[in-house]
């Protein structure tokens, strides 16, 4: 199973590590100042951890459901794209660099994974 979907495992571990980083750093986001309590809430890190766990569980469950693969990759792409855009906006507004470039690369990685997902022989498409 893991040999069949190593990218999903790597992405799942990466999403969980990003989530743990967000949860461990209570003042990571400094902009906008009036929203710091909201944007630094541990719920965002928890969301990344849940997405990472979902990816890993999908692989460990056999990795056969195209429907769940699409859903999980879509949520993964949305979460990392949002994080990338937010970090880019922080850089533009304040000049403080956040890792938006590496997150942009991760977003591209997720989109490539979704594009290459094979759906021709799956019976669980709907």
PDB file of N, CA and C in Angstrom:
ATOM      1  N   UNK A   1       0.819  -1.197   0.000  1.00  0.00           N
ATOM      2  CA  UNK A   1       0.000   0.000   0.000  1.00  0.00           C
ATOM      3  C   UNK A   1       0.861   1.258   0.000  1.00  0.00           C
ATOM      4  N   UNK A   2       1.816   1.325   0.911  1.00  0.00           N
ATOM      5  CA  UNK A   2       2.659   2.515   1.008  1.00  0.00           C
ATOM      6  C   UNK A   2       3.530   2.642  -0.233  1.00  0.00           C
ATOM      7  N   UNK A   3       3.994   1.514  -0.770  1.00  0.00           N
ATOM      8  CA  UNK A   3       4.813   1.557  -1.976  1.00  0.00           C
ATOM      9  C   UNK A   3       4.012   2.045  -3.179  1.00  0.00           C
ATOM     10  N   UNK A   4       2.703   1.826  -3.158  1.00  0.00           N
ATOM     11  CA  UNK A   4       1.846   2.233  -4.270  1.00  0.00           C
ATOM     12  C   UNK A   4       1.548   3.737  -4.238  1.00  0.00           C
ATOM     13  N   UNK A   5       1.543   4.343  -3.059  1.00  0.00           N
ATOM     14  CA  UNK A   5       1.183   5.758  -2.910  1.00  0.00           C
ATOM     15  C   UNK A   5       2.175   6.515  -2.021  1.00  0.00           C
ATOM     16  N   UNK A   6       3.465   6.519  -2.350  1.00  0.00           N
ATOM     17  CA  UNK A   6       4.435   7.190  -1.483  1.00  0.00           C
ATOM     18  C   UNK A   6       4.241   8.706  -1.425  1.00  0.00           C
ATOM     19  N   UNK A   7       3.731   9.306  -2.496  1.00  0.00           N
ATOM     20  CA  UNK A   7       3.504  10.756  -2.487  1.00  0.00           C
ATOM     21  C   UNK A   7       2.425  11.147  -1.485  1.00  0.00           C
ATOM     22  N   UNK A   8       1.401  10.310  -1.366  1.00  0.00           N
ATOM     23  CA  UNK A   8       0.350  10.589  -0.390  1.00  0.00           C
ATOM     24  C   UNK A   8       0.903  10.532   1.037  1.00  0.00           C
ATOM     25  N   UNK A   9       1.763   9.551   1.284  1.00  0.00           N
ATOM     26  CA  UNK A   9       2.377   9.434   2.609  1.00  0.00           C
ATOM     27  C   UNK A   9       3.246  10.663   2.890  1.00  0.00           C
ATOM     28  N   UNK A  10       4.067  11.053   1.917  1.00  0.00           N
ATOM     29  CA  UNK A  10       4.931  12.223   2.099  1.00  0.00           C
ATOM     30  C   UNK A  10       4.107  13.480   2.334  1.00  0.00           C
ATOM     31  N   UNK A  11       3.057  13.658   1.549  1.00  0.00           N
ATOM     32  CA  UNK A  11       2.198  14.833   1.725  1.00  0.00           C
ATOM     33  C   UNK A  11       1.498  14.784   3.081  1.00  0.00           C
ATOM     34  N   UNK A  12       1.028  13.604   3.475  1.00  0.00           N
ATOM     35  CA  UNK A  12       0.357  13.472   4.769  1.00  0.00           C
ATOM     36  C   UNK A  12       1.271  13.821   5.925  1.00  0.00           C
ATOM     37  N   UNK A  13       2.488  13.335   5.883  1.00  0.00           N
ATOM     38  CA  UNK A  13       3.457  13.656   6.938  1.00  0.00           C
ATOM     39  C   UNK A  13       3.777  15.145   6.914  1.00  0.00           C
ATOM     40  N   UNK A  14       3.952  15.691   5.718  1.00  0.00           N
ATOM     41  CA  UNK A  14       4.233  17.123   5.599  1.00  0.00           C
ATOM     42  C   UNK A  14       3.104  17.985   6.133  1.00  0.00           C
ATOM     43  N   UNK A  15       1.873  17.629   5.813  1.00  0.00           N
ATOM     44  CA  UNK A  15       0.724  18.400   6.312  1.00  0.00           C
ATOM     45  C   UNK A  15       0.655  18.328   7.839  1.00  0.00           C
ATOM     46  N   UNK A  16       0.933  17.144   8.392  1.00  0.00           N
ATOM     47  CA  UNK A  16       0.919  17.004   9.846  1.00  0.00           C
ATOM     48  C   UNK A  16       2.030  17.832  10.495  1.00  0.00           C
ATOM     49  N   UNK A  17       3.187  17.899   9.849  1.00  0.00           N
ATOM     50  CA  UNK A  17       4.293  18.687  10.401  1.00  0.00           C
ATOM     51  C   UNK A  17       3.985  20.187  10.318  1.00  0.00           C
ATOM     52  N   UNK A  18       3.373  20.619   9.227  1.00  0.00           N
ATOM     53  CA  UNK A  18       2.957  22.020   9.128  1.00  0.00           C
ATOM     54  C   UNK A  18       1.942  22.327  10.223  1.00  0.00           C
ATOM     55  N   UNK A  19       1.003  21.430  10.432  1.00  0.00           N
ATOM     56  CA  UNK A  19       0.009  21.619  11.481  1.00  0.00           C
ATOM     57  C   UNK A  19       0.640  21.703  12.864  1.00  0.00           C
ATOM     58  N   UNK A  20       1.587  20.825  13.131  1.00  0.00           N
ATOM     59  CA  UNK A  20       2.274  20.858  14.428  1.00  0.00           C
ATOM     60  C   UNK A  20       3.047  22.165  14.592  1.00  0.00           C
ATOM     61  N   UNK A  21       3.679  22.633  13.512  1.00  0.00           N
ATOM     62  CA  UNK A  21       4.417  23.905  13.550  1.00  0.00           C
ATOM     63  C   UNK A  21       3.461  25.057  13.860  1.00  0.00           C
ATOM     64  N   UNK A  22       2.307  25.068  13.198  1.00  0.00           N
ATOM     65  CA  UNK A  22       1.341  26.144  13.435  1.00  0.00           C
ATOM     66  C   UNK A  22       0.820  26.114  14.874  1.00  0.00           C
ATOM     67  N   UNK A  23       0.641  24.929  15.405  1.00  0.00           N
ATOM     68  CA  UNK A  23       0.145  24.813  16.781  1.00  0.00           C
ATOM     69  C   UNK A  23       1.219  25.195  17.798  1.00  0.00           C
ATOM     70  N   UNK A  24       2.470  24.910  17.494  1.00  0.00           N
ATOM     71  CA  UNK A  24       3.554  25.192  18.436  1.00  0.00           C
ATOM     72  C   UNK A  24       3.927  26.675  18.473  1.00  0.00           C
ATOM     73  N   UNK A  25       3.645  27.402  17.412  1.00  0.00           N
ATOM     74  CA  UNK A  25       4.018  28.809  17.325  1.00  0.00           C
ATOM     75  C   UNK A  25       2.780  29.689  17.448  1.00  0.00           C
ATOM     76  N   UNK A  26       2.534  30.145  18.662  1.00  0.00           N
ATOM     77  CA  UNK A  26       1.312  30.900  18.950  1.00  0.00           C
ATOM     78  C   UNK A  26       1.334  32.332  18.439  1.00  0.00           C
ATOM     79  N   UNK A  27       2.473  32.802  17.973  1.00  0.00           N
ATOM     80  CA  UNK A  27       2.551  34.160  17.422  1.00  0.00           C
ATOM     81  C   UNK A  27       3.249  34.145  16.054  1.00  0.00           C
ATOM     82  N   UNK A  28       2.988  33.099  15.287  1.00  0.00           N
ATOM     83  CA  UNK A  28       3.633  32.949  13.979  1.00  0.00           C
ATOM     84  C   UNK A  28       3.170  34.033  13.014  1.00  0.00           C
ATOM     85  N   UNK A  29       1.862  34.246  12.948  1.00  0.00           N
ATOM     86  CA  UNK A  29       1.307  35.259  12.054  1.00  0.00           C
ATOM     87  C   UNK A  29       1.164  36.572  12.807  1.00  0.00           C
ATOM     88  N   UNK A  30       1.770  37.624  12.279  1.00  0.00           N
ATOM     89  CA  UNK A  30       1.770  38.937  12.940  1.00  0.00           C
ATOM     90  C   UNK A  30       0.894  39.960  12.217  1.00  0.00           C
ATOM     91  N   UNK A  31       0.229  39.547  11.155  1.00  0.00           N
ATOM     92  CA  UNK A  31      -0.576  40.477  10.377  1.00  0.00           C
ATOM     93  C   UNK A  31      -1.870  39.808   9.977  1.00  0.00           C
ATOM     94  N   UNK A  32      -2.963  40.507   9.962  1.00  0.00           N
ATOM     95  CA  UNK A  32      -3.178  41.859  10.483  1.00  0.00           C
ATOM     96  C   UNK A  32      -3.231  41.841  12.001  1.00  0.00           C
ATOM     97  N   UNK A  33      -2.779  42.903  12.625  1.00  0.00           N
ATOM     98  CA  UNK A  33      -2.662  42.926  14.089  1.00  0.00           C
ATOM     99  C   UNK A  33      -3.973  42.658  14.828  1.00  0.00           C
ATOM    100  N   UNK A  34      -5.074  43.128  14.270  1.00  0.00           N
ATOM    101  CA  UNK A  34      -6.360  42.955  14.957  1.00  0.00           C
ATOM    102  C   UNK A  34      -6.880  41.512  14.883  1.00  0.00           C
ATOM    103  N   UNK A  35      -6.307  40.678  14.028  1.00  0.00           N
ATOM    104  CA  UNK A  35      -6.784  39.304  13.864  1.00  0.00           C
ATOM    105  C   UNK A  35      -5.789  38.267  14.367  1.00  0.00           C
ATOM    106  N   UNK A  36      -4.778  38.695  15.110  1.00  0.00           N
ATOM    107  CA  UNK A  36      -3.729  37.756  15.525  1.00  0.00           C
ATOM    108  C   UNK A  36      -4.254  36.589  16.357  1.00  0.00           C
ATOM    109  N   UNK A  37      -5.223  36.844  17.220  1.00  0.00           N
ATOM    110  CA  UNK A  37      -5.756  35.746  18.033  1.00  0.00           C
ATOM    111  C   UNK A  37      -6.453  34.711  17.148  1.00  0.00           C
ATOM    112  N   UNK A  38      -7.156  35.170  16.141  1.00  0.00           N
ATOM    113  CA  UNK A  38      -7.883  34.269  15.246  1.00  0.00           C
ATOM    114  C   UNK A  38      -6.943  33.477  14.342  1.00  0.00           C
ATOM    115  N   UNK A  39      -5.999  34.163  13.694  1.00  0.00           N
ATOM    116  CA  UNK A  39      -5.140  33.486  12.720  1.00  0.00           C
ATOM    117  C   UNK A  39      -4.094  32.596  13.385  1.00  0.00           C
ATOM    118  N   UNK A  40      -3.813  32.813  14.648  1.00  0.00           N
ATOM    119  CA  UNK A  40      -2.855  31.978  15.377  1.00  0.00           C
ATOM    120  C   UNK A  40      -3.535  30.915  16.241  1.00  0.00           C
ATOM    121  N   UNK A  41      -4.829  30.737  16.064  1.00  0.00           N
ATOM    122  CA  UNK A  41      -5.562  29.737  16.827  1.00  0.00           C
ATOM    123  C   UNK A  41      -5.097  28.332  16.429  1.00  0.00           C
ATOM    124  N   UNK A  42      -5.035  27.446  17.395  1.00  0.00           N
ATOM    125  CA  UNK A  42      -4.569  26.075  17.150  1.00  0.00           C
ATOM    126  C   UNK A  42      -5.500  25.275  16.248  1.00  0.00           C
ATOM    127  N   UNK A  43      -6.697  25.763  16.011  1.00  0.00           N
ATOM    128  CA  UNK A  43      -7.627  25.045  15.142  1.00  0.00           C
ATOM    129  C   UNK A  43      -7.065  24.919  13.727  1.00  0.00           C
ATOM    130  N   UNK A  44      -6.297  25.902  13.272  1.00  0.00           N
ATOM    131  CA  UNK A  44      -5.728  25.842  11.916  1.00  0.00           C
ATOM    132  C   UNK A  44      -4.659  24.759  11.839  1.00  0.00           C
ATOM    133  N   UNK A  45      -3.827  24.666  12.846  1.00  0.00           N
ATOM    134  CA  UNK A  45      -2.841  23.589  12.880  1.00  0.00           C
ATOM    135  C   UNK A  45      -3.517  22.237  12.985  1.00  0.00           C
ATOM    136  N   UNK A  46      -4.573  22.169  13.784  1.00  0.00           N
ATOM    137  CA  UNK A  46      -5.330  20.925  13.912  1.00  0.00           C
ATOM    138  C   UNK A  46      -5.942  20.494  12.595  1.00  0.00           C
ATOM    139  N   UNK A  47      -6.399  21.460  11.805  1.00  0.00           N
ATOM    140  CA  UNK A  47      -6.955  21.158  10.487  1.00  0.00           C
ATOM    141  C   UNK A  47      -5.902  20.514   9.584  1.00  0.00           C
ATOM    142  N   UNK A  48      -4.696  21.049   9.597  1.00  0.00           N
ATOM    143  CA  UNK A  48      -3.627  20.468   8.787  1.00  0.00           C
ATOM    144  C   UNK A  48      -3.282  19.060   9.270  1.00  0.00           C
ATOM    145  N   UNK A  49      -3.300  18.842  10.564  1.00  0.00           N
ATOM    146  CA  UNK A  49      -3.017  17.505  11.102  1.00  0.00           C
ATOM    147  C   UNK A  49      -4.103  16.517  10.674  1.00  0.00           C
ATOM    148  N   UNK A  50      -5.355  16.924  10.725  1.00  0.00           N
ATOM    149  CA  UNK A  50      -6.458  16.049  10.313  1.00  0.00           C
ATOM    150  C   UNK A  50      -6.349  15.711   8.826  1.00  0.00           C
ATOM    151  N   UNK A  51      -6.016  16.691   8.003  1.00  0.00           N
ATOM    152  CA  UNK A  51      -5.858  16.437   6.569  1.00  0.00           C
ATOM    153  C   UNK A  51      -4.710  15.449   6.332  1.00  0.00           C
ATOM    154  N   UNK A  52      -3.595  15.644   7.025  1.00  0.00           N
ATOM    155  CA  UNK A  52      -2.470  14.726   6.898  1.00  0.00           C
ATOM    156  C   UNK A  52      -2.831  13.314   7.331  1.00  0.00           C
ATOM    157  N   UNK A  53      -3.547  13.206   8.433  1.00  0.00           N
ATOM    158  CA  UNK A  53      -3.996  11.883   8.891  1.00  0.00           C
ATOM    159  C   UNK A  53      -4.932  11.237   7.883  1.00  0.00           C
ATOM    160  N   UNK A  54      -5.821  12.031   7.286  1.00  0.00           N
ATOM    161  CA  UNK A  54      -6.748  11.490   6.289  1.00  0.00           C
ATOM    162  C   UNK A  54      -5.990  10.924   5.091  1.00  0.00           C
ATOM    163  N   UNK A  55      -4.955  11.620   4.659  1.00  0.00           N
ATOM    164  CA  UNK A  55      -4.144  11.116   3.545  1.00  0.00           C
ATOM    165  C   UNK A  55      -3.484   9.787   3.897  1.00  0.00           C
ATOM    166  N   UNK A  56      -2.904   9.719   5.079  1.00  0.00           N
ATOM    167  CA  UNK A  56      -2.223   8.492   5.492  1.00  0.00           C
ATOM    168  C   UNK A  56      -3.215   7.354   5.690  1.00  0.00           C
ATOM    169  N   UNK A  57      -4.361   7.646   6.288  1.00  0.00           N
ATOM    170  CA  UNK A  57      -5.375   6.612   6.480  1.00  0.00           C
ATOM    171  C   UNK A  57      -5.923   6.107   5.154  1.00  0.00           C
ATOM    172  N   UNK A  58      -6.050   6.996   4.170  1.00  0.00           N
ATOM    173  CA  UNK A  58      -6.513   6.572   2.848  1.00  0.00           C
ATOM    174  C   UNK A  58      -5.541   5.542   2.263  1.00  0.00           C
ATOM    175  N   UNK A  59      -4.251   5.800   2.401  1.00  0.00           N
ATOM    176  CA  UNK A  59      -3.246   4.857   1.894  1.00  0.00           C
ATOM    177  C   UNK A  59      -3.310   3.550   2.669  1.00  0.00           C
ATOM    178  N   UNK A  60      -3.356   3.630   3.995  1.00  0.00           N
ATOM    179  CA  UNK A  60      -3.366   2.414   4.819  1.00  0.00           C
ATOM    180  C   UNK A  60      -4.637   1.602   4.633  1.00  0.00           C
ATOM    181  N   UNK A  61      -5.719   2.252   4.186  1.00  0.00           N
ATOM    182  CA  UNK A  61      -6.981   1.565   3.926  1.00  0.00           C
ATOM    183  C   UNK A  61      -6.970   0.851   2.573  1.00  0.00           C
ATOM    184  N   UNK A  62      -5.909   0.990   1.838  1.00  0.00           N
ATOM    185  CA  UNK A  62      -5.795   0.318   0.554  1.00  0.00           C
ATOM    186  C   UNK A  62      -5.651   1.273  -0.610  1.00  0.00           C
ATOM    187  N   UNK A  63      -6.004   2.532  -0.428  1.00  0.00           N
ATOM    188  CA  UNK A  63      -5.835   3.533  -1.469  1.00  0.00           C
ATOM    189  C   UNK A  63      -6.600   3.241  -2.738  1.00  0.00           C
ATOM    190  N   UNK A  64      -7.789   2.671  -2.607  1.00  0.00           N
ATOM    191  CA  UNK A  64      -8.547   2.274  -3.790  1.00  0.00           C
ATOM    192  C   UNK A  64      -9.680   3.238  -4.146  1.00  0.00           C
ATOM    193  N   UNK A  65     -10.142   4.025  -3.217  1.00  0.00           N
ATOM    194  CA  UNK A  65     -11.288   4.891  -3.467  1.00  0.00           C
ATOM    195  C   UNK A  65     -10.860   6.187  -4.151  1.00  0.00           C
ATOM    196  N   UNK A  66     -11.219   6.309  -5.420  1.00  0.00           N
ATOM    197  CA  UNK A  66     -10.914   7.524  -6.162  1.00  0.00           C
ATOM    198  C   UNK A  66     -11.703   8.699  -5.599  1.00  0.00           C
ATOM    199  N   UNK A  67     -12.926   8.427  -5.181  1.00  0.00           N
ATOM    200  CA  UNK A  67     -13.776   9.483  -4.627  1.00  0.00           C
ATOM    201  C   UNK A  67     -13.107  10.129  -3.414  1.00  0.00           C
ATOM    202  N   UNK A  68     -12.608   9.324  -2.490  1.00  0.00           N
ATOM    203  CA  UNK A  68     -11.957   9.872  -1.295  1.00  0.00           C
ATOM    204  C   UNK A  68     -10.612  10.483  -1.624  1.00  0.00           C
ATOM    205  N   UNK A  69      -9.914   9.905  -2.593  1.00  0.00           N
ATOM    206  CA  UNK A  69      -8.646  10.484  -3.027  1.00  0.00           C
ATOM    207  C   UNK A  69      -8.879  11.899  -3.548  1.00  0.00           C
ATOM    208  N   UNK A  70      -9.884  12.063  -4.391  1.00  0.00           N
ATOM    209  CA  UNK A  70     -10.207  13.389  -4.934  1.00  0.00           C
ATOM    210  C   UNK A  70     -10.566  14.366  -3.822  1.00  0.00           C
ATOM    211  N   UNK A  71     -11.393  13.923  -2.914  1.00  0.00           N
ATOM    212  CA  UNK A  71     -11.828  14.805  -1.823  1.00  0.00           C
ATOM    213  C   UNK A  71     -10.650  15.242  -0.949  1.00  0.00           C
ATOM    214  N   UNK A  72      -9.847  14.268  -0.553  1.00  0.00           N
ATOM    215  CA  UNK A  72      -8.729  14.591   0.344  1.00  0.00           C
ATOM    216  C   UNK A  72      -7.694  15.462  -0.359  1.00  0.00           C
ATOM    217  N   UNK A  73      -7.379  15.163  -1.624  1.00  0.00           N
ATOM    218  CA  UNK A  73      -6.417  15.991  -2.350  1.00  0.00           C
ATOM    219  C   UNK A  73      -6.967  17.397  -2.597  1.00  0.00           C
ATOM    220  N   UNK A  74      -8.272  17.509  -2.825  1.00  0.00           N
ATOM    221  CA  UNK A  74      -8.876  18.837  -3.015  1.00  0.00           C
ATOM    222  C   UNK A  74      -8.781  19.663  -1.739  1.00  0.00           C
ATOM    223  N   UNK A  75      -9.085  19.045  -0.615  1.00  0.00           N
ATOM    224  CA  UNK A  75      -8.990  19.752   0.667  1.00  0.00           C
ATOM    225  C   UNK A  75      -7.536  20.104   0.969  1.00  0.00           C
ATOM    226  N   UNK A  76      -6.628  19.183   0.677  1.00  0.00           N
ATOM    227  CA  UNK A  76      -5.193  19.448   0.881  1.00  0.00           C
ATOM    228  C   UNK A  76      -4.733  20.624   0.041  1.00  0.00           C
ATOM    229  N   UNK A  77      -5.100  20.616  -1.232  1.00  0.00           N
ATOM    230  CA  UNK A  77      -4.706  21.704  -2.129  1.00  0.00           C
ATOM    231  C   UNK A  77      -5.294  23.035  -1.662  1.00  0.00           C
ATOM    232  N   UNK A  78      -6.545  23.016  -1.245  1.00  0.00           N
ATOM    233  CA  UNK A  78      -7.170  24.248  -0.765  1.00  0.00           C
ATOM    234  C   UNK A  78      -6.505  24.795   0.483  1.00  0.00           C
ATOM    235  N   UNK A  79      -6.195  23.914   1.430  1.00  0.00           N
ATOM    236  CA  UNK A  79      -5.580  24.359   2.681  1.00  0.00           C
ATOM    237  C   UNK A  79      -4.181  24.919   2.446  1.00  0.00           C
ATOM    238  N   UNK A  80      -3.382  24.225   1.667  1.00  0.00           N
ATOM    239  CA  UNK A  80      -2.007  24.696   1.455  1.00  0.00           C
ATOM    240  C   UNK A  80      -1.993  25.921   0.546  1.00  0.00           C
ATOM    241  N   UNK A  81      -2.933  26.007  -0.407  1.00  0.00           N
ATOM    242  CA  UNK A  81      -3.014  27.198  -1.264  1.00  0.00           C
ATOM    243  C   UNK A  81      -3.435  28.417  -0.446  1.00  0.00           C
ATOM    244  N   UNK A  82      -4.359  28.227   0.491  1.00  0.00           N
ATOM    245  CA  UNK A  82      -4.768  29.327   1.348  1.00  0.00           C
ATOM    246  C   UNK A  82      -3.599  29.796   2.216  1.00  0.00           C
ATOM    247  N   UNK A  83      -2.878  28.844   2.793  1.00  0.00           N
ATOM    248  CA  UNK A  83      -1.722  29.192   3.615  1.00  0.00           C
ATOM    249  C   UNK A  83      -0.683  29.948   2.779  1.00  0.00           C
ATOM    250  N   UNK A  84      -0.457  29.491   1.559  1.00  0.00           N
ATOM    251  CA  UNK A  84       0.490  30.150   0.665  1.00  0.00           C
ATOM    252  C   UNK A  84       0.058  31.585   0.369  1.00  0.00           C
ATOM    253  N   UNK A  85      -1.211  31.764   0.022  1.00  0.00           N
ATOM    254  CA  UNK A  85      -1.718  33.104  -0.302  1.00  0.00           C
ATOM    255  C   UNK A  85      -1.644  34.028   0.911  1.00  0.00           C
ATOM    256  N   UNK A  86      -1.984  33.506   2.071  1.00  0.00           N
ATOM    257  CA  UNK A  86      -1.943  34.317   3.286  1.00  0.00           C
ATOM    258  C   UNK A  86      -0.513  34.739   3.623  1.00  0.00           C
ATOM    259  N   UNK A  87       0.419  33.802   3.503  1.00  0.00           N
ATOM    260  CA  UNK A  87       1.811  34.139   3.776  1.00  0.00           C
ATOM    261  C   UNK A  87       2.363  35.120   2.739  1.00  0.00           C
ATOM    262  N   UNK A  88       1.926  35.001   1.504  1.00  0.00           N
ATOM    263  CA  UNK A  88       2.330  35.961   0.478  1.00  0.00           C
ATOM    264  C   UNK A  88       1.797  37.354   0.809  1.00  0.00           C
ATOM    265  N   UNK A  89       0.534  37.424   1.249  1.00  0.00           N
ATOM    266  CA  UNK A  89      -0.051  38.725   1.617  1.00  0.00           C
ATOM    267  C   UNK A  89       0.688  39.352   2.791  1.00  0.00           C
ATOM    268  N   UNK A  90       1.105  38.544   3.753  1.00  0.00           N
ATOM    269  CA  UNK A  90       1.886  39.056   4.884  1.00  0.00           C
ATOM    270  C   UNK A  90       3.192  39.656   4.377  1.00  0.00           C
ATOM    271  N   UNK A  91       3.850  38.968   3.471  1.00  0.00           N
ATOM    272  CA  UNK A  91       5.109  39.466   2.912  1.00  0.00           C
ATOM    273  C   UNK A  91       4.898  40.785   2.169  1.00  0.00           C
ATOM    274  N   UNK A  92       3.829  40.865   1.365  1.00  0.00           N
ATOM    275  CA  UNK A  92       3.548  42.090   0.612  1.00  0.00           C
ATOM    276  C   UNK A  92       3.209  43.240   1.559  1.00  0.00           C
ATOM    277  N   UNK A  93       2.393  42.965   2.584  1.00  0.00           N
ATOM    278  CA  UNK A  93       1.926  44.022   3.480  1.00  0.00           C
ATOM    279  C   UNK A  93       2.983  44.502   4.469  1.00  0.00           C
ATOM    280  N   UNK A  94       3.845  43.579   4.924  1.00  0.00           N
ATOM    281  CA  UNK A  94       4.767  43.928   6.007  1.00  0.00           C
ATOM    282  C   UNK A  94       6.239  43.806   5.634  1.00  0.00           C
ATOM    283  N   UNK A  95       6.530  43.057   4.602  1.00  0.00           N
ATOM    284  CA  UNK A  95       7.927  42.797   4.259  1.00  0.00           C
ATOM    285  C   UNK A  95       8.526  41.647   5.046  1.00  0.00           C
ATOM    286  N   UNK A  96       7.771  41.081   6.001  1.00  0.00           N
ATOM    287  CA  UNK A  96       8.255  39.924   6.766  1.00  0.00           C
ATOM    288  C   UNK A  96       8.067  38.663   5.921  1.00  0.00           C
ATOM    289  N   UNK A  97       9.164  37.998   5.641  1.00  0.00           N
ATOM    290  CA  UNK A  97       9.075  36.802   4.805  1.00  0.00           C
ATOM    291  C   UNK A  97       8.540  35.634   5.612  1.00  0.00           C
ATOM    292  N   UNK A  98       7.542  34.998   5.058  1.00  0.00           N
ATOM    293  CA  UNK A  98       7.065  33.706   5.541  1.00  0.00           C
ATOM    294  C   UNK A  98       7.345  32.724   4.417  1.00  0.00           C
ATOM    295  N   UNK A  99       7.235  31.479   4.677  1.00  0.00           N
ATOM    296  CA  UNK A  99       7.664  30.457   3.715  1.00  0.00           C
ATOM    297  C   UNK A  99       6.652  30.243   2.592  1.00  0.00           C
ATOM    298  N   UNK A 100       6.197  31.328   1.976  1.00  0.00           N
ATOM    299  CA  UNK A 100       5.196  31.197   0.933  1.00  0.00           C
ATOM    300  C   UNK A 100       5.759  30.542  -0.328  1.00  0.00           C
ATOM    301  N   UNK A 101       7.040  30.701  -0.606  1.00  0.00           N
ATOM    302  CA  UNK A 101       7.613  30.098  -1.815  1.00  0.00           C
ATOM    303  C   UNK A 101       7.631  28.572  -1.692  1.00  0.00           C
ATOM    304  N   UNK A 102       8.069  28.069  -0.555  1.00  0.00           N
ATOM    305  CA  UNK A 102       8.070  26.610  -0.383  1.00  0.00           C
ATOM    306  C   UNK A 102       6.642  26.066  -0.334  1.00  0.00           C
ATOM    307  N   UNK A 103       5.720  26.815   0.240  1.00  0.00           N
ATOM    308  CA  UNK A 103       4.329  26.372   0.248  1.00  0.00           C
ATOM    309  C   UNK A 103       3.725  26.409  -1.153  1.00  0.00           C
ATOM    310  N   UNK A 104       4.178  27.325  -1.992  1.00  0.00           N
ATOM    311  CA  UNK A 104       3.735  27.345  -3.388  1.00  0.00           C
ATOM    312  C   UNK A 104       4.205  26.080  -4.103  1.00  0.00           C
ATOM    313  N   UNK A 105       5.402  25.642  -3.808  1.00  0.00           N
ATOM    314  CA  UNK A 105       5.919  24.401  -4.390  1.00  0.00           C
ATOM    315  C   UNK A 105       5.104  23.208  -3.903  1.00  0.00           C
ATOM    316  N   UNK A 106       4.750  23.193  -2.630  1.00  0.00           N
ATOM    317  CA  UNK A 106       3.913  22.110  -2.095  1.00  0.00           C
ATOM    318  C   UNK A 106       2.545  22.124  -2.766  1.00  0.00           C
ATOM    319  N   UNK A 107       1.979  23.310  -2.972  1.00  0.00           N
ATOM    320  CA  UNK A 107       0.688  23.418  -3.659  1.00  0.00           C
ATOM    321  C   UNK A 107       0.785  22.823  -5.061  1.00  0.00           C
ATOM    322  N   UNK A 108       1.848  23.150  -5.782  1.00  0.00           N
ATOM    323  CA  UNK A 108       2.042  22.590  -7.118  1.00  0.00           C
ATOM    324  C   UNK A 108       2.176  21.070  -7.052  1.00  0.00           C
ATOM    325  N   UNK A 109       2.887  20.565  -6.053  1.00  0.00           N
ATOM    326  CA  UNK A 109       3.046  19.126  -5.846  1.00  0.00           C
ATOM    327  C   UNK A 109       1.683  18.454  -5.663  1.00  0.00           C
ATOM    328  N   UNK A 110       0.816  19.056  -4.852  1.00  0.00           N
ATOM    329  CA  UNK A 110      -0.510  18.485  -4.607  1.00  0.00           C
ATOM    330  C   UNK A 110      -1.331  18.514  -5.891  1.00  0.00           C
ATOM    331  N   UNK A 111      -1.278  19.608  -6.631  1.00  0.00           N
ATOM    332  CA  UNK A 111      -2.035  19.697  -7.881  1.00  0.00           C
ATOM    333  C   UNK A 111      -1.537  18.686  -8.912  1.00  0.00           C
ATOM    334  N   UNK A 112      -0.242  18.459  -8.963  1.00  0.00           N
ATOM    335  CA  UNK A 112       0.299  17.442  -9.866  1.00  0.00           C
ATOM    336  C   UNK A 112      -0.165  16.059  -9.434  1.00  0.00           C
ATOM    337  N   UNK A 113      -0.168  15.803  -8.123  1.00  0.00           N
ATOM    338  CA  UNK A 113      -0.671  14.516  -7.624  1.00  0.00           C
ATOM    339  C   UNK A 113      -2.120  14.306  -8.039  1.00  0.00           C
ATOM    340  N   UNK A 114      -2.939  15.341  -7.884  1.00  0.00           N
ATOM    341  CA  UNK A 114      -4.348  15.228  -8.234  1.00  0.00           C
ATOM    342  C   UNK A 114      -4.508  15.002  -9.740  1.00  0.00           C
ATOM    343  N   UNK A 115      -3.712  15.674 -10.513  1.00  0.00           N
ATOM    344  CA  UNK A 115      -3.795  15.544 -11.980  1.00  0.00           C
ATOM    345  C   UNK A 115      -3.398  14.146 -12.431  1.00  0.00           C
ATOM    346  N   UNK A 116      -2.426  13.554 -11.765  1.00  0.00           N
ATOM    347  CA  UNK A 116      -1.929  12.240 -12.170  1.00  0.00           C
ATOM    348  C   UNK A 116      -2.707  11.079 -11.562  1.00  0.00           C
ATOM    349  N   UNK A 117      -3.704  11.369 -10.736  1.00  0.00           N
ATOM    350  CA  UNK A 117      -4.489  10.293 -10.135  1.00  0.00           C
ATOM    351  C   UNK A 117      -5.183   9.498 -11.230  1.00  0.00           C
ATOM    352  N   UNK A 118      -4.975   8.202 -11.224  1.00  0.00           N
ATOM    353  CA  UNK A 118      -5.547   7.332 -12.241  1.00  0.00           C
ATOM    354  C   UNK A 118      -6.973   6.981 -11.857  1.00  0.00           C
ATOM    355  N   UNK A 119      -7.910   7.266 -12.737  1.00  0.00           N
ATOM    356  CA  UNK A 119      -9.315   6.977 -12.456  1.00  0.00           C
ATOM    357  C   UNK A 119      -9.931   6.041 -13.483  1.00  0.00           C
ATOM    358  N   UNK A 120      -9.171   5.550 -14.412  1.00  0.00           N
ATOM    359  CA  UNK A 120      -9.738   4.766 -15.512  1.00  0.00           C
ATOM    360  C   UNK A 120     -10.340   3.445 -15.065  1.00  0.00           C
ATOM    361  N   UNK A 121      -9.732   2.746 -14.135  1.00  0.00           N
ATOM    362  CA  UNK A 121     -10.183   1.419 -13.770  1.00  0.00           C
ATOM    363  C   UNK A 121     -10.915   1.353 -12.437  1.00  0.00           C
ATOM    364  N   UNK A 122     -11.235   2.495 -11.857  1.00  0.00           N
ATOM    365  CA  UNK A 122     -11.863   2.478 -10.547  1.00  0.00           C
ATOM    366  C   UNK A 122     -13.376   2.419 -10.675  1.00  0.00           C
ATOM    367  N   UNK A 123     -14.007   1.614  -9.834  1.00  0.00           N
ATOM    368  CA  UNK A 123     -15.461   1.481  -9.849  1.00  0.00           C
ATOM    369  C   UNK A 123     -16.115   2.426  -8.836  1.00  0.00           C
ATOM    370  N   UNK A 124     -15.328   3.107  -8.033  1.00  0.00           N
ATOM    371  CA  UNK A 124     -15.844   3.986  -6.970  1.00  0.00           C
ATOM    372  C   UNK A 124     -15.679   5.455  -7.368  1.00  0.00           C
ATOM    373  N   UNK A 125     -15.956   5.797  -8.610  1.00  0.00           N
ATOM    374  CA  UNK A 125     -15.739   7.144  -9.091  1.00  0.00           C
ATOM    375  C   UNK A 125     -16.811   8.098  -8.586  1.00  0.00           C
ATOM    376  N   UNK A 126     -18.029   7.690  -8.545  1.00  0.00           N
ATOM    377  CA  UNK A 126     -19.121   8.600  -8.133  1.00  0.00           C
ATOM    378  C   UNK A 126     -19.191   8.841  -6.674  1.00  0.00           C
TER     379      UNK A 126
END
